[in-house]
Amino acid sequence: MKILITGGSGMVGRNILAHENVADFEFLNPTSAVLNLLSFSEVDEYIKNNTPDLIIHAAGKVGGIHANMADPVGFLVDNLDMGRNVILAAKKNRVAKLLNLGSSCMYPRDAANPLNEDLILKGELEPTNEGYALAKVVAARLCAYISQEDNYFAYKTIIPCNLFGAYDKFSPKNSHMLPAVIRKIHEAKENQLGTIDIWGDGLARREFMHAEDLANFIFFAIDNFEKMPQNLNVGLGYDYTINEYYKAIADVIGYTGDFVHDLSKPVGMKQKLIDVTRLSEFGWKHALSMKEGIEKTYDFYKNNILKDEL
């Protein structure tokens, strides 16, 4: 099977391409210099010339609360354009299968947890990442519409919980929470800081899955594509508080200082736990614990990010 993956240089894409099963397929992994996903004509031409059997759309403009609040236009427009270009060019060129990566931020901010797949568009989105969420909702709906109009096309969306892991960004300004906290606590230990600040009261709950687990799911989904639901949550089915993540990361790194809460900072949704009932029925479950995932990610940070910065 020939598979085109967009976003192959991002965290999700690189974990997929590092998976042991990757040799069983022919993967097309064009860089942004080769294929500009913001140009429909370029995407159309690339797909026409390379004739993939399946497309995995994992590309996107991503970031944490700080980045989303600083650039809502970019997060909306860039992700919207990438999604529609890839999906519509796939349809135009009669690519039968497409796996679209959504996000749990597609769910309404006030929806009852755990969040099941039928709650999309059932309420107001979280304002701190609304632009990104809107783009992801549109792409998911577009996949569903295409599949409904013509059953030749199986265009499906997975909705992962928050992710972290190898190849993540570890910048304080544009990374997600866990890699940013890993860097913050590592530097606090190195600099012998007695305290670390936590945005808000630390009681908001988050579900973080290691990207290696998501890569495992992707290959399971490829092998079981026909029976996969139209929209499918992919996550753990349980969550932890921000305070618990800080404590777990501090334990792995060996930091023994104190945490101070900055109540002036935004915290986003109070909880964002996805329902994994359909995922369990599909026959898949994650393998890594929170501690194992943090240890793997910290090892990657020390052995790759820090070495490159020295």
C-alpha atoms as a PDB file:
ATOM      1  CA  MET A   1       0.000   0.000   0.000  1.00  0.00           C
ATOM      2  CA  LYS A   2       1.265   3.471  -0.902  1.00  0.00           C
ATOM      3  CA  ILE A   3       0.548   6.006   1.861  1.00  0.00           C
ATOM      4  CA  LEU A   4       0.928   9.774   1.662  1.00  0.00           C
ATOM      5  CA  ILE A   5       1.461  11.352   5.064  1.00  0.00           C
ATOM      6  CA  THR A   6       1.247  15.112   5.506  1.00  0.00           C
ATOM      7  CA  GLY A   7       3.045  16.628   8.456  1.00  0.00           C
ATOM      8  CA  GLY A   8       5.703  13.944   8.385  1.00  0.00           C
ATOM      9  CA  SER A   9       8.224  16.289  10.025  1.00  0.00           C
ATOM     10  CA  GLY A  10       5.923  17.043  12.973  1.00  0.00           C
ATOM     11  CA  MET A  11       5.683  15.126  16.233  1.00  0.00           C
ATOM     12  CA  VAL A  12       2.868  12.805  15.141  1.00  0.00           C
ATOM     13  CA  GLY A  13       4.298  12.247  11.682  1.00  0.00           C
ATOM     14  CA  ARG A  14       7.794  11.475  12.922  1.00  0.00           C
ATOM     15  CA  ASN A  15       6.480   8.993  15.475  1.00  0.00           C
ATOM     16  CA  ILE A  16       4.502   7.258  12.717  1.00  0.00           C
ATOM     17  CA  LEU A  17       7.531   7.135  10.422  1.00  0.00           C
ATOM     18  CA  ALA A  18       9.723   5.819  13.269  1.00  0.00           C
ATOM     19  CA  HIS A  19       7.329   2.919  13.934  1.00  0.00           C
ATOM     20  CA  GLU A  20       8.525  -0.634  13.385  1.00  0.00           C
ATOM     21  CA  ASN A  21       5.705  -1.369  10.921  1.00  0.00           C
ATOM     22  CA  VAL A  22       6.580   1.462   8.556  1.00  0.00           C
ATOM     23  CA  ALA A  23       8.627  -0.887   6.332  1.00  0.00           C
ATOM     24  CA  ASP A  24       5.442  -2.809   5.467  1.00  0.00           C
ATOM     25  CA  PHE A  25       4.227   0.140   3.363  1.00  0.00           C
ATOM     26  CA  GLU A  26       5.506   2.629   0.822  1.00  0.00           C
ATOM     27  CA  PHE A  27       5.359   5.999   2.546  1.00  0.00           C
ATOM     28  CA  LEU A  28       5.388   9.317   0.707  1.00  0.00           C
ATOM     29  CA  ASN A  29       6.622  12.026   3.057  1.00  0.00           C
ATOM     30  CA  PRO A  30       7.048  15.319   1.189  1.00  0.00           C
ATOM     31  CA  THR A  31       8.505  18.240   3.112  1.00  0.00           C
ATOM     32  CA  SER A  32       6.921  21.690   2.953  1.00  0.00           C
ATOM     33  CA  ALA A  33       9.667  22.680   0.506  1.00  0.00           C
ATOM     34  CA  VAL A  34       8.446  19.946  -1.847  1.00  0.00           C
ATOM     35  CA  LEU A  35       4.708  20.312  -1.233  1.00  0.00           C
ATOM     36  CA  ASN A  36       3.005  23.484  -0.019  1.00  0.00           C
ATOM     37  CA  LEU A  37      -0.239  22.303   1.591  1.00  0.00           C
ATOM     38  CA  LEU A  38      -1.598  25.856   1.493  1.00  0.00           C
ATOM     39  CA  SER A  39      -1.747  25.622  -2.304  1.00  0.00           C
ATOM     40  CA  PHE A  40      -4.579  23.494  -3.710  1.00  0.00           C
ATOM     41  CA  SER A  41      -2.953  23.309  -7.136  1.00  0.00           C
ATOM     42  CA  GLU A  42       0.277  21.925  -5.654  1.00  0.00           C
ATOM     43  CA  VAL A  43      -1.556  19.358  -3.523  1.00  0.00           C
ATOM     44  CA  ASP A  44      -3.732  18.328  -6.469  1.00  0.00           C
ATOM     45  CA  GLU A  45      -0.713  17.913  -8.744  1.00  0.00           C
ATOM     46  CA  TYR A  46       1.253  15.935  -6.160  1.00  0.00           C
ATOM     47  CA  ILE A  47      -1.571  13.494  -5.499  1.00  0.00           C
ATOM     48  CA  LYS A  48      -2.282  13.097  -9.221  1.00  0.00           C
ATOM     49  CA  ASN A  49       1.373  12.302  -9.953  1.00  0.00           C
ATOM     50  CA  ASN A  50       1.988   9.975  -6.987  1.00  0.00           C
ATOM     51  CA  THR A  51      -1.369   8.109  -6.762  1.00  0.00           C
ATOM     52  CA  PRO A  52      -1.449   7.170  -3.058  1.00  0.00           C
ATOM     53  CA  ASP A  53      -3.842   4.454  -1.866  1.00  0.00           C
ATOM     54  CA  LEU A  54      -4.324   6.160   1.504  1.00  0.00           C
ATOM     55  CA  ILE A  55      -3.668   9.647   2.831  1.00  0.00           C
ATOM     56  CA  ILE A  56      -2.933  10.370   6.489  1.00  0.00           C
ATOM     57  CA  HIS A  57      -3.496  14.080   7.091  1.00  0.00           C
ATOM     58  CA  ALA A  58      -1.399  14.858  10.158  1.00  0.00           C
ATOM     59  CA  ALA A  59      -0.112  18.305   9.160  1.00  0.00           C
ATOM     60  CA  GLY A  60      -1.178  21.388  11.024  1.00  0.00           C
ATOM     61  CA  LYS A  61      -0.218  24.625  12.679  1.00  0.00           C
ATOM     62  CA  VAL A  62      -0.123  23.635  16.353  1.00  0.00           C
ATOM     63  CA  GLY A  63       0.723  25.182  19.705  1.00  0.00           C
ATOM     64  CA  GLY A  64      -0.425  25.678  23.268  1.00  0.00           C
ATOM     65  CA  ILE A  65      -2.681  28.317  24.821  1.00  0.00           C
ATOM     66  CA  HIS A  66      -0.101  31.098  24.448  1.00  0.00           C
ATOM     67  CA  ALA A  67       0.428  30.462  20.730  1.00  0.00           C
ATOM     68  CA  ASN A  68      -3.296  30.061  19.973  1.00  0.00           C
ATOM     69  CA  MET A  69      -4.210  33.296  21.748  1.00  0.00           C
ATOM     70  CA  ALA A  70      -1.398  35.207  20.024  1.00  0.00           C
ATOM     71  CA  ASP A  71      -2.313  34.116  16.476  1.00  0.00           C
ATOM     72  CA  PRO A  72      -5.967  33.043  16.150  1.00  0.00           C
ATOM     73  CA  VAL A  73      -6.112  34.053  12.469  1.00  0.00           C
ATOM     74  CA  GLY A  74      -3.155  31.872  11.579  1.00  0.00           C
ATOM     75  CA  PHE A  75      -4.463  28.893  13.520  1.00  0.00           C
ATOM     76  CA  LEU A  76      -7.859  29.157  11.831  1.00  0.00           C
ATOM     77  CA  VAL A  77      -6.869  29.968   8.251  1.00  0.00           C
ATOM     78  CA  ASP A  78      -3.749  27.821   7.874  1.00  0.00           C
ATOM     79  CA  ASN A  79      -5.359  24.715   9.353  1.00  0.00           C
ATOM     80  CA  LEU A  80      -8.568  25.287   7.398  1.00  0.00           C
ATOM     81  CA  ASP A  81      -6.695  25.680   4.107  1.00  0.00           C
ATOM     82  CA  MET A  82      -4.482  22.643   4.690  1.00  0.00           C
ATOM     83  CA  GLY A  83      -7.435  20.461   5.608  1.00  0.00           C
ATOM     84  CA  ARG A  84      -9.674  21.397   2.712  1.00  0.00           C
ATOM     85  CA  ASN A  85      -6.840  21.280   0.159  1.00  0.00           C
ATOM     86  CA  VAL A  86      -5.746  17.769   1.149  1.00  0.00           C
ATOM     87  CA  ILE A  87      -9.272  16.371   1.465  1.00  0.00           C
ATOM     88  CA  LEU A  88     -10.676  17.923  -1.724  1.00  0.00           C
ATOM     89  CA  ALA A  89      -7.591  17.071  -3.788  1.00  0.00           C
ATOM     90  CA  ALA A  90      -7.843  13.487  -2.545  1.00  0.00           C
ATOM     91  CA  LYS A  91     -11.480  13.366  -3.637  1.00  0.00           C
ATOM     92  CA  LYS A  92     -10.720  14.933  -7.017  1.00  0.00           C
ATOM     93  CA  ASN A  93      -8.062  12.288  -7.686  1.00  0.00           C
ATOM     94  CA  ARG A  94     -10.241   9.400  -6.469  1.00  0.00           C
ATOM     95  CA  VAL A  95      -8.108   8.431  -3.480  1.00  0.00           C
ATOM     96  CA  ALA A  96     -10.383   5.928  -1.760  1.00  0.00           C
ATOM     97  CA  LYS A  97      -9.142   6.182   1.829  1.00  0.00           C
ATOM     98  CA  LEU A  98      -8.179   9.151   3.980  1.00  0.00           C
ATOM     99  CA  LEU A  99      -7.428   9.330   7.700  1.00  0.00           C
ATOM    100  CA  ASN A 100      -7.860  12.851   9.039  1.00  0.00           C
ATOM    101  CA  LEU A 101      -6.437  13.854  12.427  1.00  0.00           C
ATOM    102  CA  GLY A 102      -8.777  16.006  14.450  1.00  0.00           C
ATOM    103  CA  SER A 103      -8.390  17.291  18.010  1.00  0.00           C
ATOM    104  CA  SER A 104     -10.283  17.068  21.285  1.00  0.00           C
ATOM    105  CA  CYS A 105     -10.566  20.869  21.227  1.00  0.00           C
ATOM    106  CA  MET A 106     -13.348  20.269  18.657  1.00  0.00           C
ATOM    107  CA  TYR A 107     -15.664  19.519  21.577  1.00  0.00           C
ATOM    108  CA  PRO A 108     -17.829  22.187  23.269  1.00  0.00           C
ATOM    109  CA  ARG A 109     -16.228  23.853  26.272  1.00  0.00           C
ATOM    110  CA  ASP A 110     -19.206  23.142  28.561  1.00  0.00           C
ATOM    111  CA  ALA A 111     -19.997  19.608  27.393  1.00  0.00           C
ATOM    112  CA  ALA A 112     -20.208  16.898  30.026  1.00  0.00           C
ATOM    113  CA  ASN A 113     -17.109  14.733  30.336  1.00  0.00           C
ATOM    114  CA  PRO A 114     -16.194  12.196  29.082  1.00  0.00           C
ATOM    115  CA  LEU A 115     -16.665  13.662  25.611  1.00  0.00           C
ATOM    116  CA  ASN A 116     -18.255  11.299  23.105  1.00  0.00           C
ATOM    117  CA  GLU A 117     -18.039  11.673  19.340  1.00  0.00           C
ATOM    118  CA  ASP A 118     -21.656  12.818  18.948  1.00  0.00           C
ATOM    119  CA  LEU A 119     -21.005  16.070  20.866  1.00  0.00           C
ATOM    120  CA  ILE A 120     -19.218  17.848  18.009  1.00  0.00           C
ATOM    121  CA  LEU A 121     -21.041  21.122  17.174  1.00  0.00           C
ATOM    122  CA  LYS A 122     -23.356  20.731  20.175  1.00  0.00           C
ATOM    123  CA  GLY A 123     -22.108  23.872  21.962  1.00  0.00           C
ATOM    124  CA  GLU A 124     -19.707  26.838  22.165  1.00  0.00           C
ATOM    125  CA  LEU A 125     -16.002  26.138  21.693  1.00  0.00           C
ATOM    126  CA  GLU A 126     -13.244  27.061  24.141  1.00  0.00           C
ATOM    127  CA  PRO A 127     -12.235  30.677  23.229  1.00  0.00           C
ATOM    128  CA  THR A 128      -8.504  30.211  23.869  1.00  0.00           C
ATOM    129  CA  ASN A 129      -8.136  27.853  20.868  1.00  0.00           C
ATOM    130  CA  GLU A 130     -11.354  28.471  18.959  1.00  0.00           C
ATOM    131  CA  GLY A 131      -9.693  29.165  15.589  1.00  0.00           C
ATOM    132  CA  TYR A 132      -7.804  25.874  15.586  1.00  0.00           C
ATOM    133  CA  ALA A 133     -10.910  24.009  16.749  1.00  0.00           C
ATOM    134  CA  LEU A 134     -13.111  25.507  14.018  1.00  0.00           C
ATOM    135  CA  ALA A 135     -10.655  24.412  11.323  1.00  0.00           C
ATOM    136  CA  LYS A 136     -10.599  20.877  12.727  1.00  0.00           C
ATOM    137  CA  VAL A 137     -14.412  20.706  12.891  1.00  0.00           C
ATOM    138  CA  VAL A 138     -14.708  21.771   9.247  1.00  0.00           C
ATOM    139  CA  ALA A 139     -12.205  19.125   8.099  1.00  0.00           C
ATOM    140  CA  ALA A 140     -14.019  16.398  10.045  1.00  0.00           C
ATOM    141  CA  ARG A 141     -17.387  17.429   8.616  1.00  0.00           C
ATOM    142  CA  LEU A 142     -15.967  17.585   5.096  1.00  0.00           C
ATOM    143  CA  CYS A 143     -14.699  14.010   5.433  1.00  0.00           C
ATOM    144  CA  ALA A 144     -18.113  12.869   6.658  1.00  0.00           C
ATOM    145  CA  TYR A 145     -19.980  14.672   3.858  1.00  0.00           C
ATOM    146  CA  ILE A 146     -17.763  13.150   1.168  1.00  0.00           C
ATOM    147  CA  SER A 147     -18.197   9.658   2.600  1.00  0.00           C
ATOM    148  CA  GLN A 148     -21.980  10.137   2.814  1.00  0.00           C
ATOM    149  CA  GLU A 149     -22.297  11.389  -0.758  1.00  0.00           C
ATOM    150  CA  ASP A 150     -20.333   8.526  -2.322  1.00  0.00           C
ATOM    151  CA  ASN A 151     -19.500   5.288  -0.513  1.00  0.00           C
ATOM    152  CA  TYR A 152     -16.471   4.797  -2.754  1.00  0.00           C
ATOM    153  CA  PHE A 153     -14.739   7.221  -0.396  1.00  0.00           C
ATOM    154  CA  ALA A 154     -13.877   6.215   3.175  1.00  0.00           C
ATOM    155  CA  TYR A 155     -12.671   9.504   4.669  1.00  0.00           C
ATOM    156  CA  LYS A 156     -12.537   9.164   8.452  1.00  0.00           C
ATOM    157  CA  THR A 157     -11.443  11.341  11.361  1.00  0.00           C
ATOM    158  CA  ILE A 158      -9.684  10.332  14.540  1.00  0.00           C
ATOM    159  CA  ILE A 159      -9.859  12.664  17.531  1.00  0.00           C
ATOM    160  CA  PRO A 160      -6.776  12.189  19.702  1.00  0.00           C
ATOM    161  CA  CYS A 161      -6.560  13.497  23.224  1.00  0.00           C
ATOM    162  CA  ASN A 162      -3.621  15.784  24.034  1.00  0.00           C
ATOM    163  CA  LEU A 163      -0.324  14.297  22.864  1.00  0.00           C
ATOM    164  CA  PHE A 164       3.305  14.494  23.905  1.00  0.00           C
ATOM    165  CA  GLY A 165       6.483  12.577  23.246  1.00  0.00           C
ATOM    166  CA  ALA A 166       9.574  12.312  21.079  1.00  0.00           C
ATOM    167  CA  TYR A 167       9.985  15.034  18.406  1.00  0.00           C
ATOM    168  CA  ASP A 168       7.766  17.402  20.393  1.00  0.00           C
ATOM    169  CA  LYS A 169       8.468  21.124  20.631  1.00  0.00           C
ATOM    170  CA  PHE A 170      10.089  22.133  23.910  1.00  0.00           C
ATOM    171  CA  SER A 171       9.871  25.899  23.496  1.00  0.00           C
ATOM    172  CA  PRO A 172       8.189  27.835  26.353  1.00  0.00           C
ATOM    173  CA  LYS A 173       6.389  30.024  23.804  1.00  0.00           C
ATOM    174  CA  ASN A 174       4.907  27.593  21.268  1.00  0.00           C
ATOM    175  CA  SER A 175       4.924  24.111  22.791  1.00  0.00           C
ATOM    176  CA  HIS A 176       2.152  22.165  24.439  1.00  0.00           C
ATOM    177  CA  MET A 177       1.978  21.913  28.210  1.00  0.00           C
ATOM    178  CA  LEU A 178       3.931  18.744  29.022  1.00  0.00           C
ATOM    179  CA  PRO A 179       7.079  19.425  26.950  1.00  0.00           C
ATOM    180  CA  ALA A 180       7.081  23.032  28.183  1.00  0.00           C
ATOM    181  CA  VAL A 181       6.845  21.818  31.790  1.00  0.00           C
ATOM    182  CA  ILE A 182       9.585  19.230  31.236  1.00  0.00           C
ATOM    183  CA  ARG A 183      11.899  21.991  30.032  1.00  0.00           C
ATOM    184  CA  LYS A 184      10.830  24.375  32.792  1.00  0.00           C
ATOM    185  CA  ILE A 185      11.438  21.859  35.572  1.00  0.00           C
ATOM    186  CA  HIS A 186      14.721  20.643  34.069  1.00  0.00           C
ATOM    187  CA  GLU A 187      16.018  24.227  33.920  1.00  0.00           C
ATOM    188  CA  ALA A 188      14.749  24.936  37.444  1.00  0.00           C
ATOM    189  CA  LYS A 189      16.732  21.968  38.737  1.00  0.00           C
ATOM    190  CA  GLU A 190      19.848  22.973  36.796  1.00  0.00           C
ATOM    191  CA  ASN A 191      19.600  26.555  38.083  1.00  0.00           C
ATOM    192  CA  GLN A 192      18.709  25.419  41.621  1.00  0.00           C
ATOM    193  CA  LEU A 193      15.467  27.410  41.679  1.00  0.00           C
ATOM    194  CA  GLY A 194      13.411  26.920  44.814  1.00  0.00           C
ATOM    195  CA  THR A 195      10.003  27.532  43.214  1.00  0.00           C
ATOM    196  CA  ILE A 196       8.197  27.018  39.909  1.00  0.00           C
ATOM    197  CA  ASP A 197       5.019  28.811  38.836  1.00  0.00           C
ATOM    198  CA  ILE A 198       1.922  26.970  37.597  1.00  0.00           C
ATOM    199  CA  TRP A 199      -0.690  28.799  35.538  1.00  0.00           C
ATOM    200  CA  GLY A 200      -3.986  28.916  37.446  1.00  0.00           C
ATOM    201  CA  ASP A 201      -4.792  26.751  40.452  1.00  0.00           C
ATOM    202  CA  GLY A 202      -3.517  23.580  38.787  1.00  0.00           C
ATOM    203  CA  LEU A 203      -6.840  21.797  39.233  1.00  0.00           C
ATOM    204  CA  ALA A 204      -7.817  21.725  35.547  1.00  0.00           C
ATOM    205  CA  ARG A 205      -7.694  18.150  34.276  1.00  0.00           C
ATOM    206  CA  ARG A 206      -6.004  16.966  31.094  1.00  0.00           C
ATOM    207  CA  GLU A 207      -5.630  13.680  29.246  1.00  0.00           C
ATOM    208  CA  PHE A 208      -2.185  13.278  27.674  1.00  0.00           C
ATOM    209  CA  MET A 209      -1.242  10.248  25.586  1.00  0.00           C
ATOM    210  CA  HIS A 210       2.263   9.515  24.345  1.00  0.00           C
ATOM    211  CA  ALA A 211       2.666   9.947  20.575  1.00  0.00           C
ATOM    212  CA  GLU A 212       4.210   6.486  20.351  1.00  0.00           C
ATOM    213  CA  ASP A 213       0.841   5.086  21.398  1.00  0.00           C
ATOM    214  CA  LEU A 214      -0.885   7.127  18.688  1.00  0.00           C
ATOM    215  CA  ALA A 215       1.538   5.717  16.107  1.00  0.00           C
ATOM    216  CA  ASN A 216       0.612   2.223  17.284  1.00  0.00           C
ATOM    217  CA  PHE A 217      -3.041   3.122  16.792  1.00  0.00           C
ATOM    218  CA  ILE A 218      -2.432   4.450  13.262  1.00  0.00           C
ATOM    219  CA  PHE A 219      -1.065   1.121  12.071  1.00  0.00           C
ATOM    220  CA  PHE A 220      -3.880  -0.739  13.819  1.00  0.00           C
ATOM    221  CA  ALA A 221      -6.351   1.550  12.025  1.00  0.00           C
ATOM    222  CA  ILE A 222      -4.719   0.957   8.635  1.00  0.00           C
ATOM    223  CA  ASP A 223      -5.231  -2.777   9.088  1.00  0.00           C
ATOM    224  CA  ASN A 224      -8.837  -2.352  10.264  1.00  0.00           C
ATOM    225  CA  PHE A 225      -9.913   0.682   8.240  1.00  0.00           C
ATOM    226  CA  GLU A 226     -13.216  -0.666   6.953  1.00  0.00           C
ATOM    227  CA  LYS A 227     -14.694  -1.286  10.416  1.00  0.00           C
ATOM    228  CA  MET A 228     -13.463   1.982  11.939  1.00  0.00           C
ATOM    229  CA  PRO A 229     -16.247   4.488  12.793  1.00  0.00           C
ATOM    230  CA  GLN A 230     -16.565   7.776  10.894  1.00  0.00           C
ATOM    231  CA  ASN A 231     -15.298   9.762  13.893  1.00  0.00           C
ATOM    232  CA  LEU A 232     -13.303   8.040  16.619  1.00  0.00           C
ATOM    233  CA  ASN A 233     -11.760   9.290  19.843  1.00  0.00           C
ATOM    234  CA  VAL A 234      -8.245   7.988  20.506  1.00  0.00           C
ATOM    235  CA  GLY A 235      -7.005   8.395  24.047  1.00  0.00           C
ATOM    236  CA  LEU A 236      -6.644   6.946  27.505  1.00  0.00           C
ATOM    237  CA  GLY A 237     -10.130   7.310  28.950  1.00  0.00           C
ATOM    238  CA  TYR A 238      -8.772   8.871  32.160  1.00  0.00           C
ATOM    239  CA  ASP A 239      -7.031  12.116  33.099  1.00  0.00           C
ATOM    240  CA  TYR A 240      -4.900  13.902  35.706  1.00  0.00           C
ATOM    241  CA  THR A 241      -4.794  17.432  37.148  1.00  0.00           C
ATOM    242  CA  ILE A 242      -2.154  19.907  36.006  1.00  0.00           C
ATOM    243  CA  ASN A 243      -0.715  19.708  39.528  1.00  0.00           C
ATOM    244  CA  GLU A 244      -0.362  15.926  39.186  1.00  0.00           C
ATOM    245  CA  TYR A 245       1.514  16.292  35.896  1.00  0.00           C
ATOM    246  CA  TYR A 246       3.905  18.810  37.455  1.00  0.00           C
ATOM    247  CA  LYS A 247       4.512  16.459  40.387  1.00  0.00           C
ATOM    248  CA  ALA A 248       5.086  13.435  38.115  1.00  0.00           C
ATOM    249  CA  ILE A 249       7.533  15.360  35.903  1.00  0.00           C
ATOM    250  CA  ALA A 250       9.361  16.715  38.957  1.00  0.00           C
ATOM    251  CA  ASP A 251       9.704  13.162  40.297  1.00  0.00           C
ATOM    252  CA  VAL A 252      11.159  11.887  37.014  1.00  0.00           C
ATOM    253  CA  ILE A 253      13.606  14.800  36.751  1.00  0.00           C
ATOM    254  CA  GLY A 254      14.467  14.835  40.437  1.00  0.00           C
ATOM    255  CA  TYR A 255      13.340  18.386  41.205  1.00  0.00           C
ATOM    256  CA  THR A 256      12.479  18.943  44.873  1.00  0.00           C
ATOM    257  CA  GLY A 257      11.411  22.605  44.933  1.00  0.00           C
ATOM    258  CA  ASP A 258       7.939  24.058  45.519  1.00  0.00           C
ATOM    259  CA  PHE A 259       5.138  25.035  43.147  1.00  0.00           C
ATOM    260  CA  VAL A 260       3.454  28.459  43.226  1.00  0.00           C
ATOM    261  CA  HIS A 261       0.137  29.096  41.470  1.00  0.00           C
ATOM    262  CA  ASP A 262      -0.272  32.201  39.292  1.00  0.00           C
ATOM    263  CA  LEU A 263      -4.020  32.792  39.388  1.00  0.00           C
ATOM    264  CA  SER A 264      -3.788  35.660  36.860  1.00  0.00           C
ATOM    265  CA  LYS A 265      -2.989  33.298  33.984  1.00  0.00           C
ATOM    266  CA  PRO A 266      -5.563  31.588  31.699  1.00  0.00           C
ATOM    267  CA  VAL A 267      -6.076  27.844  32.097  1.00  0.00           C
ATOM    268  CA  GLY A 268      -8.442  26.905  29.255  1.00  0.00           C
ATOM    269  CA  MET A 269     -11.116  24.261  29.756  1.00  0.00           C
ATOM    270  CA  LYS A 270     -11.469  22.815  33.271  1.00  0.00           C
ATOM    271  CA  GLN A 271     -11.569  19.299  31.898  1.00  0.00           C
ATOM    272  CA  LYS A 272     -11.187  17.674  28.484  1.00  0.00           C
ATOM    273  CA  LEU A 273     -11.556  13.906  28.882  1.00  0.00           C
ATOM    274  CA  ILE A 274     -12.606  11.887  25.854  1.00  0.00           C
ATOM    275  CA  ASP A 275     -14.917   8.893  25.864  1.00  0.00           C
ATOM    276  CA  VAL A 276     -13.104   5.767  24.640  1.00  0.00           C
ATOM    277  CA  THR A 277     -16.154   3.466  24.480  1.00  0.00           C
ATOM    278  CA  ARG A 278     -16.068   3.235  20.680  1.00  0.00           C
ATOM    279  CA  LEU A 279     -12.283   2.921  20.730  1.00  0.00           C
ATOM    280  CA  SER A 280     -12.555  -0.085  23.043  1.00  0.00           C
ATOM    281  CA  GLU A 281     -15.211  -1.605  20.781  1.00  0.00           C
ATOM    282  CA  PHE A 282     -12.856  -1.042  17.840  1.00  0.00           C
ATOM    283  CA  GLY A 283     -10.353  -3.216  19.700  1.00  0.00           C
ATOM    284  CA  TRP A 284      -7.468  -0.894  20.609  1.00  0.00           C
ATOM    285  CA  LYS A 285      -5.934   0.330  23.884  1.00  0.00           C
ATOM    286  CA  HIS A 286      -2.848   2.406  24.718  1.00  0.00           C
ATOM    287  CA  ALA A 287       0.226   0.752  26.223  1.00  0.00           C
ATOM    288  CA  LEU A 288       2.300   3.429  28.014  1.00  0.00           C
ATOM    289  CA  SER A 289       1.612   4.770  31.519  1.00  0.00           C
ATOM    290  CA  MET A 290       1.996   8.479  32.333  1.00  0.00           C
ATOM    291  CA  LYS A 291       5.328   7.821  34.100  1.00  0.00           C
ATOM    292  CA  GLU A 292       6.668   5.732  31.203  1.00  0.00           C
ATOM    293  CA  GLY A 293       5.651   8.408  28.716  1.00  0.00           C
ATOM    294  CA  ILE A 294       7.286  11.186  30.739  1.00  0.00           C
ATOM    295  CA  GLU A 295      10.481   9.149  31.122  1.00  0.00           C
ATOM    296  CA  LYS A 296      10.661   8.505  27.363  1.00  0.00           C
ATOM    297  CA  THR A 297       9.998  12.175  26.589  1.00  0.00           C
ATOM    298  CA  TYR A 298      12.557  13.433  29.108  1.00  0.00           C
ATOM    299  CA  ASP A 299      15.153  11.059  27.663  1.00  0.00           C
ATOM    300  CA  PHE A 300      14.404  12.448  24.187  1.00  0.00           C
ATOM    301  CA  TYR A 301      14.726  16.017  25.503  1.00  0.00           C
ATOM    302  CA  LYS A 302      18.110  15.317  27.139  1.00  0.00           C
ATOM    303  CA  ASN A 303      19.544  13.268  24.275  1.00  0.00           C
ATOM    304  CA  ASN A 304      18.313  15.404  21.388  1.00  0.00           C
ATOM    305  CA  ILE A 305      17.067  18.912  22.226  1.00  0.00           C
ATOM    306  CA  LEU A 306      19.680  19.724  24.868  1.00  0.00           C
ATOM    307  CA  LYS A 307      22.545  18.268  22.838  1.00  0.00           C
ATOM    308  CA  ASP A 308      21.504  20.299  19.789  1.00  0.00           C
ATOM    309  CA  GLU A 309      21.406  23.491  21.882  1.00  0.00           C
ATOM    310  CA  LEU A 310      24.890  22.994  23.342  1.00  0.00           C
END
